[in-house]
Amino acid sequence: MPELKELFEKASVEVKTLPKKPDNDTLLKLYALYKQGAEGDVSGQRPGGFDFVGNAKFDAWAELKGTAQEAAQQRYVDLVGRLLGR
């Protein structure tokens, strides 16, 4: 059975082949889970001003603060699998 890290990397490639673009909430969830799984807790400062997309991404990632990278990777793999109809 492939290791979680391999499944996570495979899912990060497969997500680019989704049959249809997910809604914005799902896209933010994918982004946040990927970042948490790849890098851990959010770092740096929240974008300022009128960077609405940057702020939304930062906030989604910040909500996962304290989540173990392995847990985020598994949730990412599961979400991509559901989006692909597995």
PDB file of N, CA and C in Angstrom:
ATOM      1  N   MET A   1       0.846  -1.187   0.000  1.00  0.00           N
ATOM      2  CA  MET A   1       0.000   0.000   0.000  1.00  0.00           C
ATOM      3  C   MET A   1       0.886   1.243   0.000  1.00  0.00           C
ATOM      4  N   PRO A   2       0.584   2.183  -0.871  1.00  0.00           N
ATOM      5  CA  PRO A   2       1.424   3.394  -0.942  1.00  0.00           C
ATOM      6  C   PRO A   2       1.368   4.180   0.365  1.00  0.00           C
ATOM      7  N   GLU A   3       2.449   4.837   0.659  1.00  0.00           N
ATOM      8  CA  GLU A   3       2.510   5.655   1.854  1.00  0.00           C
ATOM      9  C   GLU A   3       1.695   6.934   1.651  1.00  0.00           C
ATOM     10  N   LEU A   4       1.316   7.544   2.764  1.00  0.00           N
ATOM     11  CA  LEU A   4       0.482   8.740   2.721  1.00  0.00           C
ATOM     12  C   LEU A   4       1.127   9.850   1.907  1.00  0.00           C
ATOM     13  N   LYS A   5       2.430  10.032   2.070  1.00  0.00           N
ATOM     14  CA  LYS A   5       3.125  11.097   1.328  1.00  0.00           C
ATOM     15  C   LYS A   5       2.997  10.883  -0.182  1.00  0.00           C
ATOM     16  N   GLU A   6       3.118   9.641  -0.619  1.00  0.00           N
ATOM     17  CA  GLU A   6       2.964   9.330  -2.047  1.00  0.00           C
ATOM     18  C   GLU A   6       1.535   9.598  -2.515  1.00  0.00           C
ATOM     19  N   LEU A   7       0.559   9.213  -1.709  1.00  0.00           N
ATOM     20  CA  LEU A   7      -0.846   9.450  -2.049  1.00  0.00           C
ATOM     21  C   LEU A   7      -1.141  10.948  -2.121  1.00  0.00           C
ATOM     22  N   PHE A   8      -0.549  11.703  -1.186  1.00  0.00           N
ATOM     23  CA  PHE A   8      -0.722  13.153  -1.147  1.00  0.00           C
ATOM     24  C   PHE A   8      -0.151  13.786  -2.411  1.00  0.00           C
ATOM     25  N   GLU A   9       1.046  13.381  -2.794  1.00  0.00           N
ATOM     26  CA  GLU A   9       1.669  13.923  -4.008  1.00  0.00           C
ATOM     27  C   GLU A   9       0.871  13.540  -5.251  1.00  0.00           C
ATOM     28  N   LYS A  10       0.371  12.308  -5.286  1.00  0.00           N
ATOM     29  CA  LYS A  10      -0.441  11.860  -6.420  1.00  0.00           C
ATOM     30  C   LYS A  10      -1.731  12.676  -6.505  1.00  0.00           C
ATOM     31  N   ALA A  11      -2.367  12.910  -5.355  1.00  0.00           N
ATOM     32  CA  ALA A  11      -3.608  13.691  -5.327  1.00  0.00           C
ATOM     33  C   ALA A  11      -3.366  15.123  -5.782  1.00  0.00           C
ATOM     34  N   SER A  12      -2.183  15.680  -5.461  1.00  0.00           N
ATOM     35  CA  SER A  12      -1.883  17.062  -5.868  1.00  0.00           C
ATOM     36  C   SER A  12      -1.736  17.175  -7.386  1.00  0.00           C
ATOM     37  N   VAL A  13      -1.416  16.066  -8.040  1.00  0.00           N
ATOM     38  CA  VAL A  13      -1.354  16.054  -9.504  1.00  0.00           C
ATOM     39  C   VAL A  13      -2.756  15.792 -10.069  1.00  0.00           C
ATOM     40  N   GLU A  14      -3.453  14.839  -9.473  1.00  0.00           N
ATOM     41  CA  GLU A  14      -4.781  14.465  -9.956  1.00  0.00           C
ATOM     42  C   GLU A  14      -5.798  15.591  -9.829  1.00  0.00           C
ATOM     43  N   VAL A  15      -5.619  16.457  -8.834  1.00  0.00           N
ATOM     44  CA  VAL A  15      -6.583  17.538  -8.630  1.00  0.00           C
ATOM     45  C   VAL A  15      -6.661  18.451  -9.849  1.00  0.00           C
ATOM     46  N   LYS A  16      -5.607  18.482 -10.639  1.00  0.00           N
ATOM     47  CA  LYS A  16      -5.584  19.317 -11.847  1.00  0.00           C
ATOM     48  C   LYS A  16      -6.380  18.699 -12.986  1.00  0.00           C
ATOM     49  N   THR A  17      -6.858  17.463 -12.796  1.00  0.00           N
ATOM     50  CA  THR A  17      -7.602  16.770 -13.848  1.00  0.00           C
ATOM     51  C   THR A  17      -9.077  16.594 -13.494  1.00  0.00           C
ATOM     52  N   LEU A  18      -9.557  17.363 -12.521  1.00  0.00           N
ATOM     53  CA  LEU A  18     -10.960  17.229 -12.131  1.00  0.00           C
ATOM     54  C   LEU A  18     -11.868  17.502 -13.321  1.00  0.00           C
ATOM     55  N   PRO A  19     -12.964  16.739 -13.444  1.00  0.00           N
ATOM     56  CA  PRO A  19     -13.855  16.915 -14.587  1.00  0.00           C
ATOM     57  C   PRO A  19     -14.528  18.278 -14.632  1.00  0.00           C
ATOM     58  N   LYS A  20     -14.759  18.882 -13.450  1.00  0.00           N
ATOM     59  CA  LYS A  20     -15.321  20.233 -13.437  1.00  0.00           C
ATOM     60  C   LYS A  20     -14.703  21.004 -12.273  1.00  0.00           C
ATOM     61  N   LYS A  21     -14.671  22.322 -12.432  1.00  0.00           N
ATOM     62  CA  LYS A  21     -14.071  23.169 -11.408  1.00  0.00           C
ATOM     63  C   LYS A  21     -14.957  23.174 -10.165  1.00  0.00           C
ATOM     64  N   PRO A  22     -14.364  22.887  -8.997  1.00  0.00           N
ATOM     65  CA  PRO A  22     -15.147  22.923  -7.759  1.00  0.00           C
ATOM     66  C   PRO A  22     -15.585  24.345  -7.404  1.00  0.00           C
ATOM     67  N   ASP A  23     -16.565  24.452  -6.503  1.00  0.00           N
ATOM     68  CA  ASP A  23     -16.999  25.769  -6.049  1.00  0.00           C
ATOM     69  C   ASP A  23     -15.881  26.417  -5.219  1.00  0.00           C
ATOM     70  N   ASN A  24     -16.025  27.709  -4.962  1.00  0.00           N
ATOM     71  CA  ASN A  24     -14.960  28.452  -4.274  1.00  0.00           C
ATOM     72  C   ASN A  24     -14.652  27.919  -2.888  1.00  0.00           C
ATOM     73  N   ASP A  25     -15.670  27.496  -2.137  1.00  0.00           N
ATOM     74  CA  ASP A  25     -15.428  26.950  -0.802  1.00  0.00           C
ATOM     75  C   ASP A  25     -14.571  25.688  -0.869  1.00  0.00           C
ATOM     76  N   THR A  26     -14.860  24.839  -1.838  1.00  0.00           N
ATOM     77  CA  THR A  26     -14.084  23.608  -2.001  1.00  0.00           C
ATOM     78  C   THR A  26     -12.665  23.929  -2.454  1.00  0.00           C
ATOM     79  N   LEU A  27     -12.532  24.902  -3.341  1.00  0.00           N
ATOM     80  CA  LEU A  27     -11.187  25.308  -3.780  1.00  0.00           C
ATOM     81  C   LEU A  27     -10.364  25.824  -2.603  1.00  0.00           C
ATOM     82  N   LEU A  28     -10.986  26.617  -1.735  1.00  0.00           N
ATOM     83  CA  LEU A  28     -10.278  27.112  -0.552  1.00  0.00           C
ATOM     84  C   LEU A  28      -9.898  25.970   0.374  1.00  0.00           C
ATOM     85  N   LYS A  29     -10.787  25.004   0.528  1.00  0.00           N
ATOM     86  CA  LYS A  29     -10.500  23.844   1.376  1.00  0.00           C
ATOM     87  C   LYS A  29      -9.327  23.050   0.802  1.00  0.00           C
ATOM     88  N   LEU A  30      -9.336  22.849  -0.513  1.00  0.00           N
ATOM     89  CA  LEU A  30      -8.224  22.147  -1.163  1.00  0.00           C
ATOM     90  C   LEU A  30      -6.903  22.893  -0.938  1.00  0.00           C
ATOM     91  N   TYR A  31      -6.943  24.197  -1.132  1.00  0.00           N
ATOM     92  CA  TYR A  31      -5.745  25.019  -0.946  1.00  0.00           C
ATOM     93  C   TYR A  31      -5.221  24.893   0.481  1.00  0.00           C
ATOM     94  N   ALA A  32      -6.122  25.085   1.449  1.00  0.00           N
ATOM     95  CA  ALA A  32      -5.718  25.073   2.854  1.00  0.00           C
ATOM     96  C   ALA A  32      -5.180  23.706   3.271  1.00  0.00           C
ATOM     97  N   LEU A  33      -5.859  22.646   2.879  1.00  0.00           N
ATOM     98  CA  LEU A  33      -5.391  21.309   3.229  1.00  0.00           C
ATOM     99  C   LEU A  33      -4.044  21.007   2.582  1.00  0.00           C
ATOM    100  N   TYR A  34      -3.882  21.442   1.328  1.00  0.00           N
ATOM    101  CA  TYR A  34      -2.594  21.210   0.664  1.00  0.00           C
ATOM    102  C   TYR A  34      -1.476  21.952   1.395  1.00  0.00           C
ATOM    103  N   LYS A  35      -1.682  23.235   1.685  1.00  0.00           N
ATOM    104  CA  LYS A  35      -0.654  24.031   2.348  1.00  0.00           C
ATOM    105  C   LYS A  35      -0.327  23.467   3.735  1.00  0.00           C
ATOM    106  N   GLN A  36      -1.359  23.087   4.488  1.00  0.00           N
ATOM    107  CA  GLN A  36      -1.132  22.528   5.819  1.00  0.00           C
ATOM    108  C   GLN A  36      -0.392  21.200   5.714  1.00  0.00           C
ATOM    109  N   GLY A  37      -0.767  20.394   4.736  1.00  0.00           N
ATOM    110  CA  GLY A  37      -0.115  19.101   4.547  1.00  0.00           C
ATOM    111  C   GLY A  37       1.309  19.219   4.056  1.00  0.00           C
ATOM    112  N   ALA A  38       1.584  20.228   3.249  1.00  0.00           N
ATOM    113  CA  ALA A  38       2.918  20.393   2.672  1.00  0.00           C
ATOM    114  C   ALA A  38       3.856  21.199   3.566  1.00  0.00           C
ATOM    115  N   GLU A  39       3.316  22.235   4.246  1.00  0.00           N
ATOM    116  CA  GLU A  39       4.177  23.163   4.974  1.00  0.00           C
ATOM    117  C   GLU A  39       3.923  23.239   6.467  1.00  0.00           C
ATOM    118  N   GLY A  40       2.771  22.776   6.924  1.00  0.00           N
ATOM    119  CA  GLY A  40       2.429  22.911   8.335  1.00  0.00           C
ATOM    120  C   GLY A  40       1.650  24.193   8.574  1.00  0.00           C
ATOM    121  N   ASP A  41       1.713  24.673   9.808  1.00  0.00           N
ATOM    122  CA  ASP A  41       0.931  25.853  10.187  1.00  0.00           C
ATOM    123  C   ASP A  41       1.275  27.074   9.342  1.00  0.00           C
ATOM    124  N   VAL A  42       0.258  27.905   9.137  1.00  0.00           N
ATOM    125  CA  VAL A  42       0.394  29.136   8.366  1.00  0.00           C
ATOM    126  C   VAL A  42       1.500  30.000   8.967  1.00  0.00           C
ATOM    127  N   SER A  43       2.209  30.687   8.101  1.00  0.00           N
ATOM    128  CA  SER A  43       3.269  31.583   8.566  1.00  0.00           C
ATOM    129  C   SER A  43       3.167  32.887   7.790  1.00  0.00           C
ATOM    130  N   GLY A  44       3.845  33.892   8.295  1.00  0.00           N
ATOM    131  CA  GLY A  44       3.812  35.183   7.626  1.00  0.00           C
ATOM    132  C   GLY A  44       2.597  35.979   8.047  1.00  0.00           C
ATOM    133  N   GLN A  45       2.477  37.133   7.443  1.00  0.00           N
ATOM    134  CA  GLN A  45       1.373  38.018   7.779  1.00  0.00           C
ATOM    135  C   GLN A  45       0.248  37.882   6.770  1.00  0.00           C
ATOM    136  N   ARG A  46      -0.949  38.146   7.246  1.00  0.00           N
ATOM    137  CA  ARG A  46      -2.129  38.131   6.387  1.00  0.00           C
ATOM    138  C   ARG A  46      -1.992  39.263   5.372  1.00  0.00           C
ATOM    139  N   PRO A  47      -2.285  38.964   4.099  1.00  0.00           N
ATOM    140  CA  PRO A  47      -2.219  40.031   3.097  1.00  0.00           C
ATOM    141  C   PRO A  47      -3.137  41.187   3.490  1.00  0.00           C
ATOM    142  N   GLY A  48      -2.754  42.364   3.134  1.00  0.00           N
ATOM    143  CA  GLY A  48      -3.554  43.528   3.519  1.00  0.00           C
ATOM    144  C   GLY A  48      -4.323  44.104   2.353  1.00  0.00           C
ATOM    145  N   GLY A  49      -4.992  45.174   2.637  1.00  0.00           N
ATOM    146  CA  GLY A  49      -5.677  45.926   1.593  1.00  0.00           C
ATOM    147  C   GLY A  49      -6.784  45.170   0.915  1.00  0.00           C
ATOM    148  N   PHE A  50      -6.763  45.246  -0.394  1.00  0.00           N
ATOM    149  CA  PHE A  50      -7.849  44.696  -1.189  1.00  0.00           C
ATOM    150  C   PHE A  50      -7.497  43.369  -1.845  1.00  0.00           C
ATOM    151  N   ASP A  51      -6.580  42.638  -1.245  1.00  0.00           N
ATOM    152  CA  ASP A  51      -6.214  41.314  -1.756  1.00  0.00           C
ATOM    153  C   ASP A  51      -7.201  40.290  -1.198  1.00  0.00           C
ATOM    154  N   PHE A  52      -8.418  40.318  -1.726  1.00  0.00           N
ATOM    155  CA  PHE A  52      -9.485  39.477  -1.198  1.00  0.00           C
ATOM    156  C   PHE A  52      -9.181  37.993  -1.357  1.00  0.00           C
ATOM    157  N   VAL A  53      -8.621  37.605  -2.489  1.00  0.00           N
ATOM    158  CA  VAL A  53      -8.290  36.201  -2.721  1.00  0.00           C
ATOM    159  C   VAL A  53      -7.181  35.773  -1.765  1.00  0.00           C
ATOM    160  N   GLY A  54      -6.147  36.585  -1.656  1.00  0.00           N
ATOM    161  CA  GLY A  54      -5.049  36.279  -0.747  1.00  0.00           C
ATOM    162  C   GLY A  54      -5.515  36.159   0.694  1.00  0.00           C
ATOM    163  N   ASN A  55      -6.408  37.070   1.101  1.00  0.00           N
ATOM    164  CA  ASN A  55      -6.952  37.021   2.463  1.00  0.00           C
ATOM    165  C   ASN A  55      -7.772  35.755   2.681  1.00  0.00           C
ATOM    166  N   ALA A  56      -8.586  35.386   1.717  1.00  0.00           N
ATOM    167  CA  ALA A  56      -9.417  34.185   1.841  1.00  0.00           C
ATOM    168  C   ALA A  56      -8.541  32.943   1.954  1.00  0.00           C
ATOM    169  N   LYS A  57      -7.491  32.873   1.139  1.00  0.00           N
ATOM    170  CA  LYS A  57      -6.573  31.735   1.199  1.00  0.00           C
ATOM    171  C   LYS A  57      -5.859  31.681   2.549  1.00  0.00           C
ATOM    172  N   PHE A  58      -5.354  32.826   2.996  1.00  0.00           N
ATOM    173  CA  PHE A  58      -4.654  32.892   4.269  1.00  0.00           C
ATOM    174  C   PHE A  58      -5.569  32.448   5.405  1.00  0.00           C
ATOM    175  N   ASP A  59      -6.801  32.968   5.408  1.00  0.00           N
ATOM    176  CA  ASP A  59      -7.749  32.637   6.473  1.00  0.00           C
ATOM    177  C   ASP A  59      -8.111  31.156   6.471  1.00  0.00           C
ATOM    178  N   ALA A  60      -8.311  30.581   5.287  1.00  0.00           N
ATOM    179  CA  ALA A  60      -8.646  29.158   5.194  1.00  0.00           C
ATOM    180  C   ALA A  60      -7.511  28.308   5.741  1.00  0.00           C
ATOM    181  N   TRP A  61      -6.282  28.673   5.414  1.00  0.00           N
ATOM    182  CA  TRP A  61      -5.117  27.934   5.902  1.00  0.00           C
ATOM    183  C   TRP A  61      -4.977  28.132   7.409  1.00  0.00           C
ATOM    184  N   ALA A  62      -5.180  29.354   7.885  1.00  0.00           N
ATOM    185  CA  ALA A  62      -5.044  29.662   9.313  1.00  0.00           C
ATOM    186  C   ALA A  62      -6.051  28.866  10.150  1.00  0.00           C
ATOM    187  N   GLU A  63      -7.218  28.559   9.587  1.00  0.00           N
ATOM    188  CA  GLU A  63      -8.220  27.778  10.316  1.00  0.00           C
ATOM    189  C   GLU A  63      -7.721  26.376  10.640  1.00  0.00           C
ATOM    190  N   LEU A  64      -6.736  25.895   9.908  1.00  0.00           N
ATOM    191  CA  LEU A  64      -6.197  24.548  10.128  1.00  0.00           C
ATOM    192  C   LEU A  64      -4.999  24.550  11.078  1.00  0.00           C
ATOM    193  N   LYS A  65      -4.679  25.708  11.636  1.00  0.00           N
ATOM    194  CA  LYS A  65      -3.524  25.806  12.527  1.00  0.00           C
ATOM    195  C   LYS A  65      -3.641  24.759  13.636  1.00  0.00           C
ATOM    196  N   GLY A  66      -2.557  24.039  13.853  1.00  0.00           N
ATOM    197  CA  GLY A  66      -2.534  22.996  14.868  1.00  0.00           C
ATOM    198  C   GLY A  66      -2.887  21.618  14.342  1.00  0.00           C
ATOM    199  N   THR A  67      -3.384  21.548  13.113  1.00  0.00           N
ATOM    200  CA  THR A  67      -3.693  20.258  12.493  1.00  0.00           C
ATOM    201  C   THR A  67      -2.387  19.600  12.072  1.00  0.00           C
ATOM    202  N   ALA A  68      -2.200  18.355  12.421  1.00  0.00           N
ATOM    203  CA  ALA A  68      -0.987  17.627  12.038  1.00  0.00           C
ATOM    204  C   ALA A  68      -0.902  17.543  10.516  1.00  0.00           C
ATOM    205  N   GLN A  69       0.320  17.625  10.002  1.00  0.00           N
ATOM    206  CA  GLN A  69       0.500  17.565   8.550  1.00  0.00           C
ATOM    207  C   GLN A  69      -0.068  16.266   7.984  1.00  0.00           C
ATOM    208  N   GLU A  70       0.127  15.158   8.673  1.00  0.00           N
ATOM    209  CA  GLU A  70      -0.371  13.874   8.189  1.00  0.00           C
ATOM    210  C   GLU A  70      -1.897  13.868   8.120  1.00  0.00           C
ATOM    211  N   ALA A  71      -2.536  14.477   9.108  1.00  0.00           N
ATOM    212  CA  ALA A  71      -4.004  14.543   9.104  1.00  0.00           C
ATOM    213  C   ALA A  71      -4.496  15.398   7.939  1.00  0.00           C
ATOM    214  N   ALA A  72      -3.829  16.515   7.696  1.00  0.00           N
ATOM    215  CA  ALA A  72      -4.198  17.376   6.568  1.00  0.00           C
ATOM    216  C   ALA A  72      -3.973  16.655   5.243  1.00  0.00           C
ATOM    217  N   GLN A  73      -2.877  15.919   5.145  1.00  0.00           N
ATOM    218  CA  GLN A  73      -2.608  15.168   3.918  1.00  0.00           C
ATOM    219  C   GLN A  73      -3.700  14.141   3.664  1.00  0.00           C
ATOM    220  N   GLN A  74      -4.118  13.431   4.713  1.00  0.00           N
ATOM    221  CA  GLN A  74      -5.163  12.416   4.552  1.00  0.00           C
ATOM    222  C   GLN A  74      -6.485  13.059   4.157  1.00  0.00           C
ATOM    223  N   ARG A  75      -6.835  14.173   4.770  1.00  0.00           N
ATOM    224  CA  ARG A  75      -8.069  14.864   4.416  1.00  0.00           C
ATOM    225  C   ARG A  75      -8.022  15.371   2.975  1.00  0.00           C
ATOM    226  N   TYR A  76      -6.853  15.836   2.533  1.00  0.00           N
ATOM    227  CA  TYR A  76      -6.679  16.296   1.149  1.00  0.00           C
ATOM    228  C   TYR A  76      -6.877  15.136   0.180  1.00  0.00           C
ATOM    229  N   VAL A  77      -6.219  14.015   0.456  1.00  0.00           N
ATOM    230  CA  VAL A  77      -6.340  12.826  -0.397  1.00  0.00           C
ATOM    231  C   VAL A  77      -7.798  12.385  -0.470  1.00  0.00           C
ATOM    232  N   ASP A  78      -8.471  12.370   0.678  1.00  0.00           N
ATOM    233  CA  ASP A  78      -9.887  11.960   0.713  1.00  0.00           C
ATOM    234  C   ASP A  78     -10.767  12.908  -0.099  1.00  0.00           C
ATOM    235  N   LEU A  79     -10.542  14.208   0.049  1.00  0.00           N
ATOM    236  CA  LEU A  79     -11.346  15.203  -0.670  1.00  0.00           C
ATOM    237  C   LEU A  79     -11.133  15.096  -2.176  1.00  0.00           C
ATOM    238  N   VAL A  80      -9.892  14.977  -2.603  1.00  0.00           N
ATOM    239  CA  VAL A  80      -9.618  14.827  -4.035  1.00  0.00           C
ATOM    240  C   VAL A  80     -10.278  13.542  -4.555  1.00  0.00           C
ATOM    241  N   GLY A  81     -10.196  12.481  -3.781  1.00  0.00           N
ATOM    242  CA  GLY A  81     -10.835  11.222  -4.165  1.00  0.00           C
ATOM    243  C   GLY A  81     -12.343  11.385  -4.357  1.00  0.00           C
ATOM    244  N   ARG A  82     -12.984  12.104  -3.425  1.00  0.00           N
ATOM    245  CA  ARG A  82     -14.441  12.339  -3.559  1.00  0.00           C
ATOM    246  C   ARG A  82     -14.748  13.172  -4.807  1.00  0.00           C
ATOM    247  N   LEU A  83     -13.922  14.177  -5.052  1.00  0.00           N
ATOM    248  CA  LEU A  83     -14.156  15.028  -6.224  1.00  0.00           C
ATOM    249  C   LEU A  83     -13.961  14.255  -7.529  1.00  0.00           C
ATOM    250  N   LEU A  84     -13.136  13.231  -7.478  1.00  0.00           N
ATOM    251  CA  LEU A  84     -12.907  12.392  -8.660  1.00  0.00           C
ATOM    252  C   LEU A  84     -13.906  11.242  -8.731  1.00  0.00           C
ATOM    253  N   GLY A  85     -14.807  11.167  -7.757  1.00  0.00           N
ATOM    254  CA  GLY A  85     -15.849  10.146  -7.764  1.00  0.00           C
ATOM    255  C   GLY A  85     -15.401   8.792  -7.283  1.00  0.00           C
ATOM    256  N   ARG A  86     -14.423   8.769  -6.388  1.00  0.00           N
ATOM    257  CA  ARG A  86     -13.956   7.474  -5.840  1.00  0.00           C
ATOM    258  C   ARG A  86     -14.678   7.137  -4.577  1.00  0.00           C
TER     259      ARG A  86
END
